[in-house]
Every structure is written in C-alpha cells, then in structure tokens.
C-alpha cells in the first residue's frame, strides 16, 4: 500500500480545480480560445487569466496572442511537457485511488 499511496506524486500545479479543468479540456482539444475556456469552465476572465499564467509558467500551456481582424485573440495550447505532466498526474491519481494505469 505504501508504494501505491504516494501523495507527493500529485502535481500541485495541475491539481487546482480550475487548472485541472484547463488541462483536461486541452488534453482533448489541443488548443482553445480564451472565451471558449471561460465558457466551458464557467469562470471569470480574471480567474482564468491567473490560472493560465500559472500553467504557462510551469511550461504546461503556451499562450498565443494574435488579432482576428481588429479583435484581440488569445488561445491556450497544451505543450508536450504539459501533456506528459498531465499523463503523470492521471497515473499518480489512479494509483492513489487504487486503479492501474490504462494499457
């Protein structure tokens, strides 16, 4: 049981509810517009900005800013490091609750 129950393997950057939501969404979608994430996660613009910055600082997401016509556009994209970290997070969580990693 001690081998399985290693709470230290849980990535604190990902583990926050909103950051976990961002990572789970981007793991499937790969890239998402800021407003799309805001809507899906039902969160304020300020809170999402802060959480995306934390994920960006960890190297888990890349933020792309551009213009669509004259409108600013912000997109978040999961990075290869973010994809790896999310897979490790899911594996660690699975071990904590007694599930074997998926084959």
PDB file of N, CA and C in Angstrom:
ATOM      1  N   UNK A   1       0.824  -1.196   0.000  1.00  0.00           N
ATOM      2  CA  UNK A   1       0.000   0.000   0.000  1.00  0.00           C
ATOM      3  C   UNK A   1       0.864   1.254   0.000  1.00  0.00           C
ATOM      4  N   UNK A   2       1.983   1.249   0.708  1.00  0.00           N
ATOM      5  CA  UNK A   2       2.830   2.447   0.775  1.00  0.00           C
ATOM      6  C   UNK A   2       3.354   2.834  -0.601  1.00  0.00           C
ATOM      7  N   UNK A   3       3.644   1.843  -1.453  1.00  0.00           N
ATOM      8  CA  UNK A   3       4.120   2.148  -2.803  1.00  0.00           C
ATOM      9  C   UNK A   3       3.034   2.844  -3.615  1.00  0.00           C
ATOM     10  N   UNK A   4       1.814   2.422  -3.406  1.00  0.00           N
ATOM     11  CA  UNK A   4       0.700   2.973  -4.169  1.00  0.00           C
ATOM     12  C   UNK A   4       0.316   4.349  -3.649  1.00  0.00           C
ATOM     13  N   UNK A   5       0.322   4.524  -2.352  1.00  0.00           N
ATOM     14  CA  UNK A   5      -0.163   5.773  -1.750  1.00  0.00           C
ATOM     15  C   UNK A   5       0.983   6.757  -1.585  1.00  0.00           C
ATOM     16  N   UNK A   6       1.302   7.448  -2.675  1.00  0.00           N
ATOM     17  CA  UNK A   6       2.370   8.447  -2.659  1.00  0.00           C
ATOM     18  C   UNK A   6       1.771   9.781  -3.072  1.00  0.00           C
ATOM     19  N   UNK A   7       1.237  10.496  -2.100  1.00  0.00           N
ATOM     20  CA  UNK A   7       0.571  11.772  -2.357  1.00  0.00           C
ATOM     21  C   UNK A   7       1.529  12.798  -2.955  1.00  0.00           C
ATOM     22  N   UNK A   8       2.820  12.622  -2.737  1.00  0.00           N
ATOM     23  CA  UNK A   8       3.826  13.535  -3.258  1.00  0.00           C
ATOM     24  C   UNK A   8       3.933  13.529  -4.770  1.00  0.00           C
ATOM     25  N   UNK A   9       3.378  12.524  -5.412  1.00  0.00           N
ATOM     26  CA  UNK A   9       3.430  12.459  -6.880  1.00  0.00           C
ATOM     27  C   UNK A   9       2.336  13.285  -7.547  1.00  0.00           C
ATOM     28  N   UNK A  10       1.431  13.844  -6.753  1.00  0.00           N
ATOM     29  CA  UNK A  10       0.369  14.684  -7.308  1.00  0.00           C
ATOM     30  C   UNK A  10       0.950  16.057  -7.618  1.00  0.00           C
ATOM     31  N   UNK A  11       0.847  16.474  -8.857  1.00  0.00           N
ATOM     32  CA  UNK A  11       1.379  17.756  -9.326  1.00  0.00           C
ATOM     33  C   UNK A  11       0.482  18.892  -8.827  1.00  0.00           C
ATOM     34  N   UNK A  12       1.005  19.707  -7.914  1.00  0.00           N
ATOM     35  CA  UNK A  12       0.219  20.800  -7.335  1.00  0.00           C
ATOM     36  C   UNK A  12      -0.184  21.845  -8.367  1.00  0.00           C
ATOM     37  N   UNK A  13       0.596  22.006  -9.413  1.00  0.00           N
ATOM     38  CA  UNK A  13       0.237  22.987 -10.446  1.00  0.00           C
ATOM     39  C   UNK A  13      -1.047  22.551 -11.148  1.00  0.00           C
ATOM     40  N   UNK A  14      -1.178  21.293 -11.439  1.00  0.00           N
ATOM     41  CA  UNK A  14      -2.354  20.779 -12.137  1.00  0.00           C
ATOM     42  C   UNK A  14      -3.530  20.574 -11.185  1.00  0.00           C
ATOM     43  N   UNK A  15      -3.255  20.245  -9.938  1.00  0.00           N
ATOM     44  CA  UNK A  15      -4.289  19.757  -9.023  1.00  0.00           C
ATOM     45  C   UNK A  15      -5.381  20.770  -8.670  1.00  0.00           C
ATOM     46  N   UNK A  16      -5.138  22.051  -8.816  1.00  0.00           N
ATOM     47  CA  UNK A  16      -6.202  23.021  -8.559  1.00  0.00           C
ATOM     48  C   UNK A  16      -7.383  22.766  -9.488  1.00  0.00           C
ATOM     49  N   UNK A  17      -8.591  22.914  -8.996  1.00  0.00           N
ATOM     50  CA  UNK A  17      -9.791  22.564  -9.754  1.00  0.00           C
ATOM     51  C   UNK A  17      -9.831  23.213 -11.134  1.00  0.00           C
ATOM     52  N   UNK A  18      -9.583  24.492 -11.207  1.00  0.00           N
ATOM     53  CA  UNK A  18      -9.647  25.190 -12.489  1.00  0.00           C
ATOM     54  C   UNK A  18      -8.495  24.793 -13.406  1.00  0.00           C
ATOM     55  N   UNK A  19      -7.286  24.671 -12.857  1.00  0.00           N
ATOM     56  CA  UNK A  19      -6.141  24.261 -13.689  1.00  0.00           C
ATOM     57  C   UNK A  19      -6.339  22.834 -14.195  1.00  0.00           C
ATOM     58  N   UNK A  20      -6.905  21.970 -13.370  1.00  0.00           N
ATOM     59  CA  UNK A  20      -7.214  20.604 -13.805  1.00  0.00           C
ATOM     60  C   UNK A  20      -8.223  20.640 -14.947  1.00  0.00           C
ATOM     61  N   UNK A  21      -9.221  21.504 -14.841  1.00  0.00           N
ATOM     62  CA  UNK A  21     -10.203  21.646 -15.913  1.00  0.00           C
ATOM     63  C   UNK A  21      -9.578  22.101 -17.212  1.00  0.00           C
ATOM     64  N   UNK A  22      -8.681  23.076 -17.123  1.00  0.00           N
ATOM     65  CA  UNK A  22      -7.978  23.562 -18.315  1.00  0.00           C
ATOM     66  C   UNK A  22      -7.176  22.429 -18.944  1.00  0.00           C
ATOM     67  N   UNK A  23      -6.421  21.717 -18.124  1.00  0.00           N
ATOM     68  CA  UNK A  23      -5.569  20.644 -18.658  1.00  0.00           C
ATOM     69  C   UNK A  23      -6.402  19.524 -19.269  1.00  0.00           C
ATOM     70  N   UNK A  24      -7.490  19.149 -18.613  1.00  0.00           N
ATOM     71  CA  UNK A  24      -8.348  18.086 -19.140  1.00  0.00           C
ATOM     72  C   UNK A  24      -8.970  18.509 -20.473  1.00  0.00           C
ATOM     73  N   UNK A  25      -9.408  19.754 -20.548  1.00  0.00           N
ATOM     74  CA  UNK A  25     -10.013  20.246 -21.783  1.00  0.00           C
ATOM     75  C   UNK A  25      -8.984  20.303 -22.912  1.00  0.00           C
ATOM     76  N   UNK A  26      -7.805  20.846 -22.613  1.00  0.00           N
ATOM     77  CA  UNK A  26      -6.784  20.975 -23.652  1.00  0.00           C
ATOM     78  C   UNK A  26      -6.178  19.625 -24.045  1.00  0.00           C
ATOM     79  N   UNK A  27      -6.164  18.672 -23.139  1.00  0.00           N
ATOM     80  CA  UNK A  27      -5.653  17.343 -23.482  1.00  0.00           C
ATOM     81  C   UNK A  27      -6.483  16.735 -24.610  1.00  0.00           C
ATOM     82  N   UNK A  28      -7.769  17.076 -24.629  1.00  0.00           N
ATOM     83  CA  UNK A  28      -8.645  16.569 -25.688  1.00  0.00           C
ATOM     84  C   UNK A  28      -8.684  17.512 -26.893  1.00  0.00           C
ATOM     85  N   UNK A  29      -8.809  18.809 -26.630  1.00  0.00           N
ATOM     86  CA  UNK A  29      -8.983  19.785 -27.715  1.00  0.00           C
ATOM     87  C   UNK A  29      -7.665  20.249 -28.320  1.00  0.00           C
ATOM     88  N   UNK A  30      -6.575  20.115 -27.586  1.00  0.00           N
ATOM     89  CA  UNK A  30      -5.237  20.563 -28.000  1.00  0.00           C
ATOM     90  C   UNK A  30      -5.058  22.072 -27.887  1.00  0.00           C
ATOM     91  N   UNK A  31      -6.024  22.839 -28.404  1.00  0.00           N
ATOM     92  CA  UNK A  31      -5.968  24.301 -28.356  1.00  0.00           C
ATOM     93  C   UNK A  31      -7.386  24.830 -28.170  1.00  0.00           C
ATOM     94  N   UNK A  32      -7.497  25.946 -27.433  1.00  0.00           N
ATOM     95  CA  UNK A  32      -8.818  26.541 -27.225  1.00  0.00           C
ATOM     96  C   UNK A  32      -8.688  28.045 -27.084  1.00  0.00           C
ATOM     97  N   UNK A  33      -9.679  28.753 -27.585  1.00  0.00           N
ATOM     98  CA  UNK A  33      -9.757  30.194 -27.390  1.00  0.00           C
ATOM     99  C   UNK A  33     -10.043  30.485 -25.922  1.00  0.00           C
ATOM    100  N   UNK A  34      -9.567  31.630 -25.462  1.00  0.00           N
ATOM    101  CA  UNK A  34      -9.766  32.056 -24.087  1.00  0.00           C
ATOM    102  C   UNK A  34     -11.251  32.055 -23.729  1.00  0.00           C
ATOM    103  N   UNK A  35     -12.072  32.638 -24.583  1.00  0.00           N
ATOM    104  CA  UNK A  35     -13.509  32.718 -24.290  1.00  0.00           C
ATOM    105  C   UNK A  35     -14.173  31.349 -24.265  1.00  0.00           C
ATOM    106  N   UNK A  36     -13.677  30.444 -25.077  1.00  0.00           N
ATOM    107  CA  UNK A  36     -14.182  29.071 -25.064  1.00  0.00           C
ATOM    108  C   UNK A  36     -13.912  28.432 -23.706  1.00  0.00           C
ATOM    109  N   UNK A  37     -12.670  28.568 -23.220  1.00  0.00           N
ATOM    110  CA  UNK A  37     -12.317  28.025 -21.906  1.00  0.00           C
ATOM    111  C   UNK A  37     -13.144  28.684 -20.805  1.00  0.00           C
ATOM    112  N   UNK A  38     -13.289  29.990 -20.894  1.00  0.00           N
ATOM    113  CA  UNK A  38     -14.053  30.735 -19.889  1.00  0.00           C
ATOM    114  C   UNK A  38     -15.489  30.210 -19.819  1.00  0.00           C
ATOM    115  N   UNK A  39     -16.081  29.965 -20.967  1.00  0.00           N
ATOM    116  CA  UNK A  39     -17.455  29.472 -21.029  1.00  0.00           C
ATOM    117  C   UNK A  39     -17.563  28.032 -20.525  1.00  0.00           C
ATOM    118  N   UNK A  40     -16.700  27.165 -21.010  1.00  0.00           N
ATOM    119  CA  UNK A  40     -16.750  25.749 -20.641  1.00  0.00           C
ATOM    120  C   UNK A  40     -16.509  25.558 -19.140  1.00  0.00           C
ATOM    121  N   UNK A  41     -15.574  26.317 -18.594  1.00  0.00           N
ATOM    122  CA  UNK A  41     -15.209  26.162 -17.187  1.00  0.00           C
ATOM    123  C   UNK A  41     -16.058  27.024 -16.254  1.00  0.00           C
ATOM    124  N   UNK A  42     -16.897  27.887 -16.844  1.00  0.00           N
ATOM    125  CA  UNK A  42     -17.787  28.753 -16.077  1.00  0.00           C
ATOM    126  C   UNK A  42     -17.016  29.536 -15.018  1.00  0.00           C
ATOM    127  N   UNK A  43     -16.073  30.347 -15.493  1.00  0.00           N
ATOM    128  CA  UNK A  43     -15.170  31.078 -14.625  1.00  0.00           C
ATOM    129  C   UNK A  43     -15.039  32.512 -15.117  1.00  0.00           C
ATOM    130  N   UNK A  44     -14.594  33.394 -14.240  1.00  0.00           N
ATOM    131  CA  UNK A  44     -14.407  34.785 -14.637  1.00  0.00           C
ATOM    132  C   UNK A  44     -13.136  34.929 -15.466  1.00  0.00           C
ATOM    133  N   UNK A  45     -13.092  36.008 -16.210  1.00  0.00           N
ATOM    134  CA  UNK A  45     -11.926  36.297 -17.043  1.00  0.00           C
ATOM    135  C   UNK A  45     -10.667  36.431 -16.195  1.00  0.00           C
ATOM    136  N   UNK A  46     -10.768  37.154 -15.081  1.00  0.00           N
ATOM    137  CA  UNK A  46      -9.601  37.358 -14.218  1.00  0.00           C
ATOM    138  C   UNK A  46      -9.073  36.073 -13.628  1.00  0.00           C
ATOM    139  N   UNK A  47      -9.976  35.227 -13.140  1.00  0.00           N
ATOM    140  CA  UNK A  47      -9.544  33.970 -12.542  1.00  0.00           C
ATOM    141  C   UNK A  47      -8.892  33.059 -13.581  1.00  0.00           C
ATOM    142  N   UNK A  48      -9.498  32.979 -14.770  1.00  0.00           N
ATOM    143  CA  UNK A  48      -8.919  32.150 -15.828  1.00  0.00           C
ATOM    144  C   UNK A  48      -7.540  32.669 -16.224  1.00  0.00           C
ATOM    145  N   UNK A  49      -7.392  33.969 -16.327  1.00  0.00           N
ATOM    146  CA  UNK A  49      -6.091  34.551 -16.682  1.00  0.00           C
ATOM    147  C   UNK A  49      -5.012  34.145 -15.690  1.00  0.00           C
ATOM    148  N   UNK A  50      -5.331  34.228 -14.409  1.00  0.00           N
ATOM    149  CA  UNK A  50      -4.363  33.867 -13.360  1.00  0.00           C
ATOM    150  C   UNK A  50      -3.984  32.394 -13.462  1.00  0.00           C
ATOM    151  N   UNK A  51      -4.969  31.535 -13.640  1.00  0.00           N
ATOM    152  CA  UNK A  51      -4.694  30.094 -13.688  1.00  0.00           C
ATOM    153  C   UNK A  51      -3.920  29.706 -14.951  1.00  0.00           C
ATOM    154  N   UNK A  52      -4.247  30.346 -16.073  1.00  0.00           N
ATOM    155  CA  UNK A  52      -3.492  30.082 -17.306  1.00  0.00           C
ATOM    156  C   UNK A  52      -2.042  30.532 -17.149  1.00  0.00           C
ATOM    157  N   UNK A  53      -1.826  31.647 -16.468  1.00  0.00           N
ATOM    158  CA  UNK A  53      -0.468  32.135 -16.251  1.00  0.00           C
ATOM    159  C   UNK A  53       0.338  31.120 -15.427  1.00  0.00           C
ATOM    160  N   UNK A  54      -0.285  30.529 -14.419  1.00  0.00           N
ATOM    161  CA  UNK A  54       0.406  29.514 -13.605  1.00  0.00           C
ATOM    162  C   UNK A  54       0.777  28.299 -14.456  1.00  0.00           C
ATOM    163  N   UNK A  55      -0.137  27.871 -15.310  1.00  0.00           N
ATOM    164  CA  UNK A  55       0.153  26.741 -16.195  1.00  0.00           C
ATOM    165  C   UNK A  55       1.222  27.104 -17.218  1.00  0.00           C
ATOM    166  N   UNK A  56       1.192  28.333 -17.692  1.00  0.00           N
ATOM    167  CA  UNK A  56       2.199  28.788 -18.652  1.00  0.00           C
ATOM    168  C   UNK A  56       3.578  28.854 -17.985  1.00  0.00           C
ATOM    169  N   UNK A  57       3.643  29.375 -16.776  1.00  0.00           N
ATOM    170  CA  UNK A  57       4.916  29.453 -16.046  1.00  0.00           C
ATOM    171  C   UNK A  57       5.509  28.078 -15.794  1.00  0.00           C
ATOM    172  N   UNK A  58       4.654  27.077 -15.620  1.00  0.00           N
ATOM    173  CA  UNK A  58       5.120  25.703 -15.425  1.00  0.00           C
ATOM    174  C   UNK A  58       5.523  25.050 -16.747  1.00  0.00           C
ATOM    175  N   UNK A  59       5.217  25.698 -17.869  1.00  0.00           N
ATOM    176  CA  UNK A  59       5.539  25.138 -19.179  1.00  0.00           C
ATOM    177  C   UNK A  59       4.506  24.153 -19.686  1.00  0.00           C
ATOM    178  N   UNK A  60       3.325  24.131 -19.057  1.00  0.00           N
ATOM    179  CA  UNK A  60       2.297  23.158 -19.417  1.00  0.00           C
ATOM    180  C   UNK A  60       1.383  23.648 -20.539  1.00  0.00           C
ATOM    181  N   UNK A  61       1.232  24.956 -20.661  1.00  0.00           N
ATOM    182  CA  UNK A  61       0.454  25.520 -21.767  1.00  0.00           C
ATOM    183  C   UNK A  61       1.246  26.663 -22.392  1.00  0.00           C
ATOM    184  N   UNK A  62       0.977  26.896 -23.646  1.00  0.00           N
ATOM    185  CA  UNK A  62       1.547  28.045 -24.361  1.00  0.00           C
ATOM    186  C   UNK A  62       0.378  28.970 -24.675  1.00  0.00           C
ATOM    187  N   UNK A  63       0.571  30.252 -24.428  1.00  0.00           N
ATOM    188  CA  UNK A  63      -0.455  31.242 -24.706  1.00  0.00           C
ATOM    189  C   UNK A  63      -0.071  31.962 -25.998  1.00  0.00           C
ATOM    190  N   UNK A  64      -0.991  31.981 -26.940  1.00  0.00           N
ATOM    191  CA  UNK A  64      -0.771  32.612 -28.234  1.00  0.00           C
ATOM    192  C   UNK A  64      -1.699  33.813 -28.348  1.00  0.00           C
ATOM    193  N   UNK A  65      -1.125  34.979 -28.541  1.00  0.00           N
ATOM    194  CA  UNK A  65      -1.926  36.199 -28.704  1.00  0.00           C
ATOM    195  C   UNK A  65      -1.798  36.668 -30.142  1.00  0.00           C
ATOM    196  N   UNK A  66      -2.939  36.990 -30.729  1.00  0.00           N
ATOM    197  CA  UNK A  66      -2.955  37.456 -32.112  1.00  0.00           C
ATOM    198  C   UNK A  66      -4.182  38.347 -32.288  1.00  0.00           C
ATOM    199  N   UNK A  67      -4.422  38.728 -33.511  1.00  0.00           N
ATOM    200  CA  UNK A  67      -5.608  39.521 -33.827  1.00  0.00           C
ATOM    201  C   UNK A  67      -6.393  38.801 -34.901  1.00  0.00           C
ATOM    202  N   UNK A  68      -7.689  38.843 -34.773  1.00  0.00           N
ATOM    203  CA  UNK A  68      -8.597  38.330 -35.792  1.00  0.00           C
ATOM    204  C   UNK A  68      -9.326  39.561 -36.302  1.00  0.00           C
ATOM    205  N   UNK A  69      -8.834  40.094 -37.403  1.00  0.00           N
ATOM    206  CA  UNK A  69      -9.281  41.407 -37.842  1.00  0.00           C
ATOM    207  C   UNK A  69      -8.691  42.422 -36.868  1.00  0.00           C
ATOM    208  N   UNK A  70      -9.546  43.163 -36.224  1.00  0.00           N
ATOM    209  CA  UNK A  70      -9.079  44.138 -35.225  1.00  0.00           C
ATOM    210  C   UNK A  70      -9.288  43.640 -33.798  1.00  0.00           C
ATOM    211  N   UNK A  71      -9.855  42.465 -33.672  1.00  0.00           N
ATOM    212  CA  UNK A  71     -10.157  41.920 -32.351  1.00  0.00           C
ATOM    213  C   UNK A  71      -8.988  41.103 -31.820  1.00  0.00           C
ATOM    214  N   UNK A  72      -8.571  41.363 -30.575  1.00  0.00           N
ATOM    215  CA  UNK A  72      -7.518  40.531 -29.990  1.00  0.00           C
ATOM    216  C   UNK A  72      -8.026  39.107 -29.761  1.00  0.00           C
ATOM    217  N   UNK A  73      -7.137  38.170 -29.941  1.00  0.00           N
ATOM    218  CA  UNK A  73      -7.482  36.756 -29.783  1.00  0.00           C
ATOM    219  C   UNK A  73      -6.413  36.094 -28.936  1.00  0.00           C
ATOM    220  N   UNK A  74      -6.842  35.426 -27.881  1.00  0.00           N
ATOM    221  CA  UNK A  74      -5.932  34.694 -27.010  1.00  0.00           C
ATOM    222  C   UNK A  74      -6.308  33.223 -27.054  1.00  0.00           C
ATOM    223  N   UNK A  75      -5.305  32.389 -27.316  1.00  0.00           N
ATOM    224  CA  UNK A  75      -5.537  30.950 -27.380  1.00  0.00           C
ATOM    225  C   UNK A  75      -4.554  30.251 -26.452  1.00  0.00           C
ATOM    226  N   UNK A  76      -5.005  29.176 -25.850  1.00  0.00           N
ATOM    227  CA  UNK A  76      -4.156  28.347 -24.995  1.00  0.00           C
ATOM    228  C   UNK A  76      -3.963  27.010 -25.693  1.00  0.00           C
ATOM    229  N   UNK A  77      -2.724  26.550 -25.680  1.00  0.00           N
ATOM    230  CA  UNK A  77      -2.378  25.279 -26.321  1.00  0.00           C
ATOM    231  C   UNK A  77      -1.593  24.438 -25.328  1.00  0.00           C
ATOM    232  N   UNK A  78      -1.939  23.174 -25.200  1.00  0.00           N
ATOM    233  CA  UNK A  78      -1.183  22.290 -24.318  1.00  0.00           C
ATOM    234  C   UNK A  78       0.180  22.019 -24.962  1.00  0.00           C
ATOM    235  N   UNK A  79       1.224  22.034 -24.173  1.00  0.00           N
ATOM    236  CA  UNK A  79       2.571  21.777 -24.684  1.00  0.00           C
ATOM    237  C   UNK A  79       2.889  20.289 -24.522  1.00  0.00           C
ATOM    238  N   UNK A  80       3.930  19.807 -25.201  1.00  0.00           N
ATOM    239  CA  UNK A  80       4.341  18.420 -24.974  1.00  0.00           C
ATOM    240  C   UNK A  80       4.663  18.157 -23.489  1.00  0.00           C
ATOM    241  N   UNK A  81       5.311  19.119 -22.838  1.00  0.00           N
ATOM    242  CA  UNK A  81       5.614  18.962 -21.407  1.00  0.00           C
ATOM    243  C   UNK A  81       4.315  18.913 -20.598  1.00  0.00           C
ATOM    244  N   UNK A  82       3.335  19.704 -21.004  1.00  0.00           N
ATOM    245  CA  UNK A  82       2.041  19.695 -20.325  1.00  0.00           C
ATOM    246  C   UNK A  82       1.312  18.381 -20.511  1.00  0.00           C
ATOM    247  N   UNK A  83       1.376  17.850 -21.717  1.00  0.00           N
ATOM    248  CA  UNK A  83       0.748  16.546 -21.982  1.00  0.00           C
ATOM    249  C   UNK A  83       1.390  15.459 -21.128  1.00  0.00           C
ATOM    250  N   UNK A  84       2.721  15.469 -21.036  1.00  0.00           N
ATOM    251  CA  UNK A  84       3.440  14.491 -20.202  1.00  0.00           C
ATOM    252  C   UNK A  84       3.082  14.660 -18.731  1.00  0.00           C
ATOM    253  N   UNK A  85       3.065  15.902 -18.261  1.00  0.00           N
ATOM    254  CA  UNK A  85       2.739  16.172 -16.855  1.00  0.00           C
ATOM    255  C   UNK A  85       1.320  15.724 -16.541  1.00  0.00           C
ATOM    256  N   UNK A  86       0.386  15.953 -17.467  1.00  0.00           N
ATOM    257  CA  UNK A  86      -0.999  15.556 -17.242  1.00  0.00           C
ATOM    258  C   UNK A  86      -1.118  14.029 -17.192  1.00  0.00           C
ATOM    259  N   UNK A  87      -0.397  13.341 -18.051  1.00  0.00           N
ATOM    260  CA  UNK A  87      -0.405  11.867 -18.031  1.00  0.00           C
ATOM    261  C   UNK A  87       0.154  11.353 -16.704  1.00  0.00           C
ATOM    262  N   UNK A  88       1.239  11.965 -16.222  1.00  0.00           N
ATOM    263  CA  UNK A  88       1.813  11.568 -14.922  1.00  0.00           C
ATOM    264  C   UNK A  88       0.838  11.858 -13.788  1.00  0.00           C
ATOM    265  N   UNK A  89       0.172  12.988 -13.869  1.00  0.00           N
ATOM    266  CA  UNK A  89      -0.820  13.360 -12.853  1.00  0.00           C
ATOM    267  C   UNK A  89      -1.930  12.311 -12.794  1.00  0.00           C
ATOM    268  N   UNK A  90      -2.472  11.951 -13.953  1.00  0.00           N
ATOM    269  CA  UNK A  90      -3.547  10.962 -14.000  1.00  0.00           C
ATOM    270  C   UNK A  90      -3.082   9.613 -13.484  1.00  0.00           C
ATOM    271  N   UNK A  91      -1.858   9.237 -13.816  1.00  0.00           N
ATOM    272  CA  UNK A  91      -1.315   7.971 -13.326  1.00  0.00           C
ATOM    273  C   UNK A  91      -1.177   8.004 -11.800  1.00  0.00           C
ATOM    274  N   UNK A  92      -0.648   9.092 -11.266  1.00  0.00           N
ATOM    275  CA  UNK A  92      -0.476   9.215  -9.819  1.00  0.00           C
ATOM    276  C   UNK A  92      -1.829   9.203  -9.114  1.00  0.00           C
ATOM    277  N   UNK A  93      -2.804   9.891  -9.685  1.00  0.00           N
ATOM    278  CA  UNK A  93      -4.133   9.914  -9.097  1.00  0.00           C
ATOM    279  C   UNK A  93      -4.758   8.521  -9.132  1.00  0.00           C
ATOM    280  N   UNK A  94      -4.571   7.830 -10.246  1.00  0.00           N
ATOM    281  CA  UNK A  94      -5.078   6.472 -10.367  1.00  0.00           C
ATOM    282  C   UNK A  94      -4.484   5.549  -9.315  1.00  0.00           C
ATOM    283  N   UNK A  95      -3.197   5.693  -9.048  1.00  0.00           N
ATOM    284  CA  UNK A  95      -2.553   4.867  -8.022  1.00  0.00           C
ATOM    285  C   UNK A  95      -3.098   5.183  -6.638  1.00  0.00           C
ATOM    286  N   UNK A  96      -3.375   6.456  -6.391  1.00  0.00           N
ATOM    287  CA  UNK A  96      -3.927   6.837  -5.087  1.00  0.00           C
ATOM    288  C   UNK A  96      -5.285   6.204  -4.837  1.00  0.00           C
ATOM    289  N   UNK A  97      -6.085   6.085  -5.882  1.00  0.00           N
ATOM    290  CA  UNK A  97      -7.427   5.521  -5.688  1.00  0.00           C
ATOM    291  C   UNK A  97      -7.468   4.032  -6.037  1.00  0.00           C
ATOM    292  N   UNK A  98      -6.301   3.469  -6.281  1.00  0.00           N
ATOM    293  CA  UNK A  98      -6.225   2.019  -6.460  1.00  0.00           C
ATOM    294  C   UNK A  98      -6.479   1.505  -7.837  1.00  0.00           C
ATOM    295  N   UNK A  99      -6.359   2.358  -8.842  1.00  0.00           N
ATOM    296  CA  UNK A  99      -6.550   1.901 -10.217  1.00  0.00           C
ATOM    297  C   UNK A  99      -5.200   1.730 -10.895  1.00  0.00           C
ATOM    298  N   UNK A 100      -5.114   0.723 -11.714  1.00  0.00           N
ATOM    299  CA  UNK A 100      -3.899   0.525 -12.509  1.00  0.00           C
ATOM    300  C   UNK A 100      -3.929   1.484 -13.679  1.00  0.00           C
ATOM    301  N   UNK A 101      -2.746   1.934 -14.148  1.00  0.00           N
ATOM    302  CA  UNK A 101      -2.733   2.794 -15.334  1.00  0.00           C
ATOM    303  C   UNK A 101      -3.314   2.057 -16.532  1.00  0.00           C
ATOM    304  N   UNK A 102      -3.963   2.799 -17.404  1.00  0.00           N
ATOM    305  CA  UNK A 102      -4.556   2.210 -18.607  1.00  0.00           C
ATOM    306  C   UNK A 102      -3.468   1.679 -19.513  1.00  0.00           C
ATOM    307  N   UNK A 103      -3.749   0.555 -20.139  1.00  0.00           N
ATOM    308  CA  UNK A 103      -2.774  -0.070 -21.039  1.00  0.00           C
ATOM    309  C   UNK A 103      -2.792   0.584 -22.378  1.00  0.00           C
TER     310      UNK A 103
END
